[in-house]
Amino acid sequence: MAAVKESRLLLSVVSHRQAEFVLSFLRDLEALRQPGLQVALTLNVEEHWPHAPEAFGLPLLVLRNRRPKGFGANHNAAFRAAGCDFFCVANPDIRLRSNPFPALLACLEDERTGAVAPRVLGADGKPEDNARRFPTLPLLTRKLLQGAPTALDYSDAAERSEPDWIAGMFMLFRRDSFARVGGFDERYFLYYEDVDLCARLRLAGMRVVLEPRAEVVHLAQRQSRRSARYAWWHARSMARWLISQPCRSVTNAKSA
């Protein structure tokens, strides 16, 4: 394990039998030569690694779980493990064709901004829906009846915007903003923890921003569409969100 040190930018990534994805992502991060970057890699389960992640030329903190944790719990633990000015949460199936951090960090120079995300492209080069409107029962029902969405909630990718929420596949926070709202709600084991966190940031008076000048590629796995266990986690998190409905408070605050 590398020595824990204060870093300007801490990037948290979790591997759950995703070694090949993680190694490719680490290669991309190494090639960026981003100043002040430290990576916290959480090994959620035991798995075989064809190459040791410590071999990369990156300041690397490796965290090993005795038993698997959920998305929010893992990233919260990484946040507590090392000091930083900015905290990035990223999926292991992210690939970087260019450096997204300069444009994203520029957004966070405004202390009113709590979180920012880049434009996310799929493997086919088409924009993904990582900036969305808060889920409501009518919206979710319509989505279920219509199947896969035919249009993005926020389709103008040319301009910086403030969507309701940004997806946890890649999001960057000011450290003080993440700490102020208590990080991710660990009662969400998987799914909707990003929706909930963005709602709480907004309730605390902070902005959630999409910065299209920064781009990443997401090699989406869509486990909830192929695995009964992941579908159950998705449904349970959806139910928790619909019952709590913090987005109602956000909407009321905006209109006040």
C-alpha atoms as a PDB file:
ATOM      1  CA  MET A   1       0.000   0.000   0.000  1.00  0.00           C
ATOM      2  CA  ALA A   2       1.365   3.398  -0.933  1.00  0.00           C
ATOM      3  CA  ALA A   3       1.749   5.978   1.804  1.00  0.00           C
ATOM      4  CA  VAL A   4      -1.369   8.055   2.418  1.00  0.00           C
ATOM      5  CA  LYS A   5      -0.718  11.698   1.694  1.00  0.00           C
ATOM      6  CA  GLU A   6      -2.631  14.890   1.190  1.00  0.00           C
ATOM      7  CA  SER A   7      -3.503  15.276  -2.497  1.00  0.00           C
ATOM      8  CA  ARG A   8      -5.147  17.961  -4.542  1.00  0.00           C
ATOM      9  CA  LEU A   9      -7.354  15.416  -6.332  1.00  0.00           C
ATOM     10  CA  LEU A  10      -8.329  11.997  -4.986  1.00  0.00           C
ATOM     11  CA  LEU A  11      -9.992   9.630  -7.473  1.00  0.00           C
ATOM     12  CA  SER A  12     -11.912   6.699  -6.013  1.00  0.00           C
ATOM     13  CA  VAL A  13     -12.529   3.574  -8.094  1.00  0.00           C
ATOM     14  CA  VAL A  14     -13.898   0.223  -6.912  1.00  0.00           C
ATOM     15  CA  SER A  15     -13.206  -3.183  -8.425  1.00  0.00           C
ATOM     16  CA  HIS A  16     -15.762  -5.970  -8.040  1.00  0.00           C
ATOM     17  CA  ARG A  17     -14.146  -8.623 -10.261  1.00  0.00           C
ATOM     18  CA  GLN A  18     -13.352  -5.884 -12.781  1.00  0.00           C
ATOM     19  CA  ALA A  19      -9.547  -6.060 -12.820  1.00  0.00           C
ATOM     20  CA  GLU A  20      -9.212  -5.718 -16.598  1.00  0.00           C
ATOM     21  CA  PHE A  21     -11.362  -2.577 -16.648  1.00  0.00           C
ATOM     22  CA  VAL A  22      -9.466  -1.088 -13.721  1.00  0.00           C
ATOM     23  CA  LEU A  23      -6.065  -1.742 -15.289  1.00  0.00           C
ATOM     24  CA  SER A  24      -7.139  -0.041 -18.519  1.00  0.00           C
ATOM     25  CA  PHE A  25      -8.468   2.912 -16.536  1.00  0.00           C
ATOM     26  CA  LEU A  26      -5.224   3.174 -14.546  1.00  0.00           C
ATOM     27  CA  ARG A  27      -3.241   3.226 -17.805  1.00  0.00           C
ATOM     28  CA  ASP A  28      -5.385   6.133 -19.003  1.00  0.00           C
ATOM     29  CA  LEU A  29      -4.902   8.002 -15.724  1.00  0.00           C
ATOM     30  CA  GLU A  30      -1.165   7.424 -15.794  1.00  0.00           C
ATOM     31  CA  ALA A  31      -0.966   8.830 -19.325  1.00  0.00           C
ATOM     32  CA  LEU A  32      -2.752  12.048 -18.258  1.00  0.00           C
ATOM     33  CA  ARG A  33       0.047  13.102 -15.882  1.00  0.00           C
ATOM     34  CA  GLN A  34      -2.546  15.129 -13.984  1.00  0.00           C
ATOM     35  CA  PRO A  35      -0.761  17.132 -11.267  1.00  0.00           C
ATOM     36  CA  GLY A  36      -1.737  16.283  -7.691  1.00  0.00           C
ATOM     37  CA  LEU A  37      -3.714  13.151  -8.625  1.00  0.00           C
ATOM     38  CA  GLN A  38      -3.909  10.238  -6.189  1.00  0.00           C
ATOM     39  CA  VAL A  39      -5.981   7.090  -6.818  1.00  0.00           C
ATOM     40  CA  ALA A  40      -7.822   5.143  -4.111  1.00  0.00           C
ATOM     41  CA  LEU A  41      -8.525   1.638  -5.440  1.00  0.00           C
ATOM     42  CA  THR A  42     -10.957  -0.441  -3.390  1.00  0.00           C
ATOM     43  CA  LEU A  43     -10.895  -4.215  -3.910  1.00  0.00           C
ATOM     44  CA  ASN A  44     -14.448  -5.139  -2.980  1.00  0.00           C
ATOM     45  CA  VAL A  45     -13.848  -8.893  -3.372  1.00  0.00           C
ATOM     46  CA  GLU A  46     -10.868 -11.193  -3.846  1.00  0.00           C
ATOM     47  CA  GLU A  47      -9.964 -11.515  -7.528  1.00  0.00           C
ATOM     48  CA  HIS A  48      -7.097 -12.391  -9.817  1.00  0.00           C
ATOM     49  CA  TRP A  49      -5.017  -9.500 -11.141  1.00  0.00           C
ATOM     50  CA  PRO A  50      -2.938 -10.192 -14.295  1.00  0.00           C
ATOM     51  CA  HIS A  51      -0.773  -7.194 -13.406  1.00  0.00           C
ATOM     52  CA  ALA A  52      -0.312  -5.539 -10.026  1.00  0.00           C
ATOM     53  CA  PRO A  53      -2.085  -2.139  -9.963  1.00  0.00           C
ATOM     54  CA  GLU A  54       0.791  -0.819  -7.810  1.00  0.00           C
ATOM     55  CA  ALA A  55       3.083  -1.131 -10.849  1.00  0.00           C
ATOM     56  CA  PHE A  56       1.602   2.001 -12.435  1.00  0.00           C
ATOM     57  CA  GLY A  57       3.351   5.326 -12.026  1.00  0.00           C
ATOM     58  CA  LEU A  58       0.531   6.769  -9.912  1.00  0.00           C
ATOM     59  CA  PRO A  59       0.267   7.582  -6.221  1.00  0.00           C
ATOM     60  CA  LEU A  60      -1.991   4.653  -5.309  1.00  0.00           C
ATOM     61  CA  LEU A  61      -3.818   3.750  -2.124  1.00  0.00           C
ATOM     62  CA  VAL A  62      -5.211   0.197  -2.170  1.00  0.00           C
ATOM     63  CA  LEU A  63      -8.106  -0.605   0.182  1.00  0.00           C
ATOM     64  CA  ARG A  64      -9.183  -4.232   0.675  1.00  0.00           C
ATOM     65  CA  ASN A  65     -12.610  -5.163   2.012  1.00  0.00           C
ATOM     66  CA  ARG A  66     -13.164  -8.158   4.262  1.00  0.00           C
ATOM     67  CA  ARG A  67     -16.668  -8.371   2.864  1.00  0.00           C
ATOM     68  CA  PRO A  68     -18.311  -6.580  -0.079  1.00  0.00           C
ATOM     69  CA  LYS A  69     -19.731  -3.118   0.487  1.00  0.00           C
ATOM     70  CA  GLY A  70     -22.164  -1.051  -1.552  1.00  0.00           C
ATOM     71  CA  PHE A  71     -21.310   1.753  -3.973  1.00  0.00           C
ATOM     72  CA  GLY A  72     -21.742   4.602  -1.504  1.00  0.00           C
ATOM     73  CA  ALA A  73     -20.048   2.837   1.410  1.00  0.00           C
ATOM     74  CA  ASN A  74     -16.956   2.093  -0.668  1.00  0.00           C
ATOM     75  CA  HIS A  75     -16.539   5.633  -1.932  1.00  0.00           C
ATOM     76  CA  ASN A  76     -17.237   7.127   1.494  1.00  0.00           C
ATOM     77  CA  ALA A  77     -14.493   4.922   2.948  1.00  0.00           C
ATOM     78  CA  ALA A  78     -12.045   6.053   0.258  1.00  0.00           C
ATOM     79  CA  PHE A  79     -12.936   9.680   0.988  1.00  0.00           C
ATOM     80  CA  ARG A  80     -12.145   9.181   4.677  1.00  0.00           C
ATOM     81  CA  ALA A  81      -8.891   7.333   3.946  1.00  0.00           C
ATOM     82  CA  ALA A  82      -6.937  10.192   2.362  1.00  0.00           C
ATOM     83  CA  GLY A  83      -7.004  13.975   2.438  1.00  0.00           C
ATOM     84  CA  CYS A  84      -7.747  15.961  -0.697  1.00  0.00           C
ATOM     85  CA  ASP A  85      -9.093  19.236  -2.019  1.00  0.00           C
ATOM     86  CA  PHE A  86     -11.295  17.590  -4.662  1.00  0.00           C
ATOM     87  CA  PHE A  87     -12.858  14.132  -4.681  1.00  0.00           C
ATOM     88  CA  CYS A  88     -13.681  12.194  -7.862  1.00  0.00           C
ATOM     89  CA  VAL A  89     -15.895   9.110  -8.033  1.00  0.00           C
ATOM     90  CA  ALA A  90     -15.485   6.988 -11.157  1.00  0.00           C
ATOM     91  CA  ASN A  91     -16.614   3.599 -12.430  1.00  0.00           C
ATOM     92  CA  PRO A  92     -13.907   1.127 -13.473  1.00  0.00           C
ATOM     93  CA  ASP A  93     -15.398   0.911 -16.984  1.00  0.00           C
ATOM     94  CA  ILE A  94     -14.521   4.551 -17.725  1.00  0.00           C
ATOM     95  CA  ARG A  95     -11.947   5.290 -20.434  1.00  0.00           C
ATOM     96  CA  LEU A  96     -10.175   8.602 -21.001  1.00  0.00           C
ATOM     97  CA  ARG A  97      -9.302   9.797 -24.503  1.00  0.00           C
ATOM     98  CA  SER A  98      -8.442  13.271 -23.230  1.00  0.00           C
ATOM     99  CA  ASN A  99      -7.939  14.928 -19.844  1.00  0.00           C
ATOM    100  CA  PRO A 100     -11.319  15.935 -18.349  1.00  0.00           C
ATOM    101  CA  PHE A 101      -9.931  17.377 -15.114  1.00  0.00           C
ATOM    102  CA  PRO A 102      -8.837  20.921 -16.114  1.00  0.00           C
ATOM    103  CA  ALA A 103     -12.342  21.897 -17.291  1.00  0.00           C
ATOM    104  CA  LEU A 104     -14.035  20.147 -14.359  1.00  0.00           C
ATOM    105  CA  LEU A 105     -11.743  21.685 -11.750  1.00  0.00           C
ATOM    106  CA  ALA A 106     -12.319  25.114 -13.306  1.00  0.00           C
ATOM    107  CA  CYS A 107     -16.058  24.675 -12.610  1.00  0.00           C
ATOM    108  CA  LEU A 108     -15.334  23.907  -8.971  1.00  0.00           C
ATOM    109  CA  GLU A 109     -13.411  27.137  -8.503  1.00  0.00           C
ATOM    110  CA  ASP A 110     -16.870  28.596  -7.914  1.00  0.00           C
ATOM    111  CA  GLU A 111     -17.554  27.657  -4.289  1.00  0.00           C
ATOM    112  CA  ARG A 112     -21.278  27.552  -4.998  1.00  0.00           C
ATOM    113  CA  THR A 113     -20.731  24.459  -7.177  1.00  0.00           C
ATOM    114  CA  GLY A 114     -20.834  21.238  -5.173  1.00  0.00           C
ATOM    115  CA  ALA A 115     -20.490  18.655  -7.941  1.00  0.00           C
ATOM    116  CA  VAL A 116     -19.663  18.549 -11.634  1.00  0.00           C
ATOM    117  CA  ALA A 117     -19.678  15.870 -14.322  1.00  0.00           C
ATOM    118  CA  PRO A 118     -18.283  15.661 -17.846  1.00  0.00           C
ATOM    119  CA  ARG A 119     -20.223  14.731 -20.933  1.00  0.00           C
ATOM    120  CA  VAL A 120     -20.247  10.935 -21.051  1.00  0.00           C
ATOM    121  CA  LEU A 121     -20.041   9.092 -24.361  1.00  0.00           C
ATOM    122  CA  GLY A 122     -20.811   5.451 -24.993  1.00  0.00           C
ATOM    123  CA  ALA A 123     -18.450   3.114 -26.810  1.00  0.00           C
ATOM    124  CA  ASP A 124     -20.286   4.079 -30.015  1.00  0.00           C
ATOM    125  CA  GLY A 125     -19.488   7.772 -29.478  1.00  0.00           C
ATOM    126  CA  LYS A 126     -23.092   8.729 -28.723  1.00  0.00           C
ATOM    127  CA  PRO A 127     -23.873  10.812 -25.600  1.00  0.00           C
ATOM    128  CA  GLU A 128     -25.168   8.884 -22.597  1.00  0.00           C
ATOM    129  CA  ASP A 129     -27.837  10.149 -20.216  1.00  0.00           C
ATOM    130  CA  ASN A 130     -25.584  10.985 -17.261  1.00  0.00           C
ATOM    131  CA  ALA A 131     -27.457  14.285 -16.685  1.00  0.00           C
ATOM    132  CA  ARG A 132     -31.099  13.704 -15.835  1.00  0.00           C
ATOM    133  CA  ARG A 133     -34.264  15.029 -14.235  1.00  0.00           C
ATOM    134  CA  PHE A 134     -35.218  13.776 -10.797  1.00  0.00           C
ATOM    135  CA  PRO A 135     -37.134  10.475 -11.018  1.00  0.00           C
ATOM    136  CA  THR A 136     -40.813  10.687 -10.110  1.00  0.00           C
ATOM    137  CA  LEU A 137     -43.444   7.979 -10.206  1.00  0.00           C
ATOM    138  CA  PRO A 138     -45.086   9.367 -13.400  1.00  0.00           C
ATOM    139  CA  LEU A 139     -41.699   9.673 -15.155  1.00  0.00           C
ATOM    140  CA  LEU A 140     -40.628   6.166 -14.125  1.00  0.00           C
ATOM    141  CA  THR A 141     -43.984   4.713 -15.172  1.00  0.00           C
ATOM    142  CA  ARG A 142     -43.729   6.372 -18.576  1.00  0.00           C
ATOM    143  CA  LYS A 143     -40.170   5.071 -18.977  1.00  0.00           C
ATOM    144  CA  LEU A 144     -41.286   1.550 -18.093  1.00  0.00           C
ATOM    145  CA  LEU A 145     -44.111   1.646 -20.637  1.00  0.00           C
ATOM    146  CA  GLN A 146     -42.012   3.198 -23.404  1.00  0.00           C
ATOM    147  CA  GLY A 147     -38.908   1.058 -22.909  1.00  0.00           C
ATOM    148  CA  ALA A 148     -35.500   2.563 -23.633  1.00  0.00           C
ATOM    149  CA  PRO A 149     -35.607   6.391 -23.767  1.00  0.00           C
ATOM    150  CA  THR A 150     -35.400   7.907 -27.235  1.00  0.00           C
ATOM    151  CA  ALA A 151     -34.100  11.307 -26.116  1.00  0.00           C
ATOM    152  CA  LEU A 152     -31.806  12.678 -23.427  1.00  0.00           C
ATOM    153  CA  ASP A 153     -33.313  14.711 -20.589  1.00  0.00           C
ATOM    154  CA  TYR A 154     -30.772  17.457 -21.323  1.00  0.00           C
ATOM    155  CA  SER A 155     -29.941  17.353 -25.022  1.00  0.00           C
ATOM    156  CA  ASP A 156     -27.926  20.572 -25.469  1.00  0.00           C
ATOM    157  CA  ALA A 157     -24.432  19.179 -24.997  1.00  0.00           C
ATOM    158  CA  ALA A 158     -22.677  22.335 -26.222  1.00  0.00           C
ATOM    159  CA  GLU A 159     -23.334  24.516 -23.174  1.00  0.00           C
ATOM    160  CA  ARG A 160     -22.610  24.135 -19.471  1.00  0.00           C
ATOM    161  CA  SER A 161     -25.878  23.355 -17.692  1.00  0.00           C
ATOM    162  CA  GLU A 162     -27.338  22.586 -14.261  1.00  0.00           C
ATOM    163  CA  PRO A 163     -29.295  19.325 -14.489  1.00  0.00           C
ATOM    164  CA  ASP A 164     -31.261  17.961 -11.558  1.00  0.00           C
ATOM    165  CA  TRP A 165     -28.661  15.253 -10.989  1.00  0.00           C
ATOM    166  CA  ILE A 166     -25.541  13.730 -12.517  1.00  0.00           C
ATOM    167  CA  ALA A 167     -24.750  10.026 -12.640  1.00  0.00           C
ATOM    168  CA  GLY A 168     -22.189   8.348 -10.389  1.00  0.00           C
ATOM    169  CA  MET A 169     -20.231   6.812 -13.249  1.00  0.00           C
ATOM    170  CA  PHE A 170     -18.023   9.938 -13.117  1.00  0.00           C
ATOM    171  CA  MET A 171     -18.574  12.894 -10.803  1.00  0.00           C
ATOM    172  CA  LEU A 172     -16.226  15.370  -9.138  1.00  0.00           C
ATOM    173  CA  PHE A 173     -16.838  17.187  -5.841  1.00  0.00           C
ATOM    174  CA  ARG A 174     -15.293  19.891  -3.768  1.00  0.00           C
ATOM    175  CA  ARG A 175     -14.132  18.118  -0.618  1.00  0.00           C
ATOM    176  CA  ASP A 176     -15.957  20.529   1.663  1.00  0.00           C
ATOM    177  CA  SER A 177     -19.203  20.088  -0.303  1.00  0.00           C
ATOM    178  CA  PHE A 178     -19.059  16.278  -0.133  1.00  0.00           C
ATOM    179  CA  ALA A 179     -18.282  16.403   3.586  1.00  0.00           C
ATOM    180  CA  ARG A 180     -20.957  19.012   4.301  1.00  0.00           C
ATOM    181  CA  VAL A 181     -23.790  16.735   3.171  1.00  0.00           C
ATOM    182  CA  GLY A 182     -22.254  13.604   4.703  1.00  0.00           C
ATOM    183  CA  GLY A 183     -21.249  11.892   1.463  1.00  0.00           C
ATOM    184  CA  PHE A 184     -23.348   9.102  -0.019  1.00  0.00           C
ATOM    185  CA  ASP A 185     -26.287   7.684   1.911  1.00  0.00           C
ATOM    186  CA  GLU A 186     -25.116   4.119   2.561  1.00  0.00           C
ATOM    187  CA  ARG A 187     -28.679   2.853   2.913  1.00  0.00           C
ATOM    188  CA  TYR A 188     -28.627   2.776  -0.897  1.00  0.00           C
ATOM    189  CA  PHE A 189     -26.544  -0.341  -1.551  1.00  0.00           C
ATOM    190  CA  LEU A 190     -26.458   0.228  -5.293  1.00  0.00           C
ATOM    191  CA  TYR A 191     -28.299   2.668  -7.613  1.00  0.00           C
ATOM    192  CA  TYR A 192     -29.955   6.016  -6.787  1.00  0.00           C
ATOM    193  CA  GLU A 193     -27.259   7.040  -4.302  1.00  0.00           C
ATOM    194  CA  ASP A 194     -26.093   9.590  -6.903  1.00  0.00           C
ATOM    195  CA  VAL A 195     -29.641  10.934  -7.329  1.00  0.00           C
ATOM    196  CA  ASP A 196     -30.032  11.276  -3.567  1.00  0.00           C
ATOM    197  CA  LEU A 197     -26.646  12.991  -3.111  1.00  0.00           C
ATOM    198  CA  CYS A 198     -27.347  15.560  -5.828  1.00  0.00           C
ATOM    199  CA  ALA A 199     -30.719  16.316  -4.229  1.00  0.00           C
ATOM    200  CA  ARG A 200     -29.049  16.907  -0.860  1.00  0.00           C
ATOM    201  CA  LEU A 201     -26.384  19.129  -2.422  1.00  0.00           C
ATOM    202  CA  ARG A 202     -29.131  21.218  -4.004  1.00  0.00           C
ATOM    203  CA  LEU A 203     -31.063  21.386  -0.719  1.00  0.00           C
ATOM    204  CA  ALA A 204     -27.869  22.703   0.894  1.00  0.00           C
ATOM    205  CA  GLY A 205     -27.806  25.529  -1.667  1.00  0.00           C
ATOM    206  CA  MET A 206     -25.106  24.134  -3.969  1.00  0.00           C
ATOM    207  CA  ARG A 207     -25.087  23.774  -7.734  1.00  0.00           C
ATOM    208  CA  VAL A 208     -24.827  20.521  -9.690  1.00  0.00           C
ATOM    209  CA  VAL A 209     -23.193  21.127 -13.070  1.00  0.00           C
ATOM    210  CA  LEU A 210     -22.647  19.334 -16.377  1.00  0.00           C
ATOM    211  CA  GLU A 211     -19.498  20.563 -18.153  1.00  0.00           C
ATOM    212  CA  PRO A 212     -19.552  19.349 -21.804  1.00  0.00           C
ATOM    213  CA  ARG A 213     -16.041  20.658 -22.535  1.00  0.00           C
ATOM    214  CA  ALA A 214     -14.840  17.627 -20.557  1.00  0.00           C
ATOM    215  CA  GLU A 215     -15.566  14.169 -21.950  1.00  0.00           C
ATOM    216  CA  VAL A 216     -15.118  10.554 -20.831  1.00  0.00           C
ATOM    217  CA  VAL A 217     -16.127   7.239 -22.394  1.00  0.00           C
ATOM    218  CA  HIS A 218     -18.307   4.758 -20.512  1.00  0.00           C
ATOM    219  CA  LEU A 219     -18.198   1.084 -21.490  1.00  0.00           C
ATOM    220  CA  ALA A 220     -21.560   0.478 -19.809  1.00  0.00           C
ATOM    221  CA  GLN A 221     -22.291  -2.955 -18.353  1.00  0.00           C
ATOM    222  CA  ARG A 222     -26.040  -2.417 -17.640  1.00  0.00           C
ATOM    223  CA  GLN A 223     -26.062  -5.193 -15.031  1.00  0.00           C
ATOM    224  CA  SER A 224     -29.587  -4.407 -13.835  1.00  0.00           C
ATOM    225  CA  ARG A 225     -30.905  -5.424 -17.253  1.00  0.00           C
ATOM    226  CA  ARG A 226     -29.135  -8.811 -17.214  1.00  0.00           C
ATOM    227  CA  SER A 227     -28.962  -9.898 -13.563  1.00  0.00           C
ATOM    228  CA  ALA A 228     -31.887 -10.611 -11.228  1.00  0.00           C
ATOM    229  CA  ARG A 229     -29.789  -9.593  -8.203  1.00  0.00           C
ATOM    230  CA  TYR A 230     -28.845  -6.234  -9.722  1.00  0.00           C
ATOM    231  CA  ALA A 231     -32.446  -5.708 -10.836  1.00  0.00           C
ATOM    232  CA  TRP A 232     -33.555  -6.289  -7.235  1.00  0.00           C
ATOM    233  CA  TRP A 233     -31.036  -3.740  -5.919  1.00  0.00           C
ATOM    234  CA  HIS A 234     -32.252  -1.294  -8.572  1.00  0.00           C
ATOM    235  CA  ALA A 235     -35.911  -1.794  -7.634  1.00  0.00           C
ATOM    236  CA  ARG A 236     -35.211  -1.508  -3.897  1.00  0.00           C
ATOM    237  CA  SER A 237     -33.248   1.722  -4.325  1.00  0.00           C
ATOM    238  CA  MET A 238     -35.957   3.129  -6.581  1.00  0.00           C
ATOM    239  CA  ALA A 239     -38.557   2.412  -3.916  1.00  0.00           C
ATOM    240  CA  ARG A 240     -36.447   4.103  -1.220  1.00  0.00           C
ATOM    241  CA  TRP A 241     -36.079   7.180  -3.416  1.00  0.00           C
ATOM    242  CA  LEU A 242     -39.782   7.387  -4.250  1.00  0.00           C
ATOM    243  CA  ILE A 243     -40.714   7.073  -0.572  1.00  0.00           C
ATOM    244  CA  SER A 244     -38.252   9.746   0.566  1.00  0.00           C
ATOM    245  CA  GLN A 245     -38.750  12.076  -2.437  1.00  0.00           C
ATOM    246  CA  PRO A 246     -36.235  14.788  -1.456  1.00  0.00           C
ATOM    247  CA  CYS A 247     -36.623  16.163  -4.986  1.00  0.00           C
ATOM    248  CA  ARG A 248     -39.977  17.633  -3.902  1.00  0.00           C
ATOM    249  CA  SER A 249     -38.132  19.816  -1.424  1.00  0.00           C
ATOM    250  CA  VAL A 250     -35.621  20.812  -4.086  1.00  0.00           C
ATOM    251  CA  THR A 251     -38.410  21.814  -6.474  1.00  0.00           C
ATOM    252  CA  ASN A 252     -40.158  23.791  -3.753  1.00  0.00           C
ATOM    253  CA  ALA A 253     -36.907  25.533  -2.837  1.00  0.00           C
ATOM    254  CA  LYS A 254     -36.317  26.529  -6.476  1.00  0.00           C
ATOM    255  CA  SER A 255     -39.793  28.007  -6.840  1.00  0.00           C
ATOM    256  CA  ALA A 256     -39.758  29.874  -3.519  1.00  0.00           C
END
